[in-house]
Amino acid sequence: MLQRILSRALSQVQPGYDQAPADDRDHTVSYGCSVPFRPHPRVIAVVGPTAAGKSALSLELARELGGEVVNADAMQLYRGMDIGTAKLTIADRAGVPHHVLDVWDVTEPASVAAYQPLARAAVEEIAGRGRVPVLVGGSGLYVRAVLEDFQFPGTDPAIRARLSDELGALGTAALYERLRSSDPVAAAKILPSNGRRIVRALEVIEMTGRPFRASLPGPTPRYESVQIAVDHADLDDRIAARVDSMWAAGLLDEVRTLAKLGLREGPTAGRALGYQQALAELDGRLTAAEARAETSRLTRRFVRRQRSWFRRDPRITWLDGASPTLVADALAVAG
């Protein structure tokens, strides 16, 4: 009993706040707690690239294991972004409860620091009812933010706004030189053209007076987990088919509706794969064929980054999504 109480108390360490767009992520992190503790509960994570079949596998695992799904797809956190993110409908969820979906308005920036406590609370609540948390998504930093024990430094809106104004007025080269002068180690790890990360690095340095962490720390598990990645040899074909199905299912109508809610002004949602191209089609800047082709091309590029991210982690077991024994293989890995 005492161990359970101590474990629960230690799990309440609260993260700070940071902005981390889903694709080009801010990797500024620090350890969340220096006190060792026994990880709890056990989480099954289903990860991997876009269009590989993570959602379908997660439903099978949840049904077999008595689990509930916790979302780790950054774009599925946005209300109304359904078709373009392949968010499962209520009917498609087939009675399996899903958590941490439809959290943000499309005008809000994606924030892994804001996501972290929501997802961890869902994990704890599911496990507290004797169910199995199944964490599902292809946003690598979001997965790590749940499973590992680190936290994100805060943000200062005034400092960020000033630096963003300077970025617009002076350009990325000038701010990059400033970063290189104040923190050459961080500058070496950030592309000189990446204005958003340059601004973030300068913001953290100004707020904390300490160097900017431009890379993630080594893994320190918060929960015991089993991590399963699913992939397909024919993923390019699957991506093309998914993009066609998105347009056929009414993505343009969805984007028209979201545009009235501020999608164009959304710093993250407005640049999401498929949504940015649909906006361009609606504005007459791309034809229908060009919008689909551009979405497919950029999705393939994003998939390469996802594969690179997840394949660096030796704790992940990779499974063939085309295998007829996929579910059985995943259950064997899950134990």
Foldseek 3Di string as FASTA:
>chain_A
DVLVVVLVVVVPQAFAWDFAFQQRGFQFWFFRDPDDHAADDEAEEEEAAPLQCQLVLLLLCCVVQVAAEEELAQLQLAPLCDLVRVNDDPVRSVPHHYFNGNNDYLQEGGILSVSLVRRLVVCVVQVVVVGHYYYYYLRLVSVLSNFFGMHHHYFDVVQLVVLVVCCVVPNLQVLLVVLCVVAVVLSVLDDSNPSVNSSVQVRCCVVPVDGTPRHHDPGHGNHHYQAEYEGEPPVLVSLLVSLVVSVVVPVLVSLVVSVVVPNCNRPRNCPDQLSVLSVCCVVVNDPPVRSSVVSSVVSVVSSVVSCVSVVVDPSYHYDYSPDPCRSVVSVVSVD
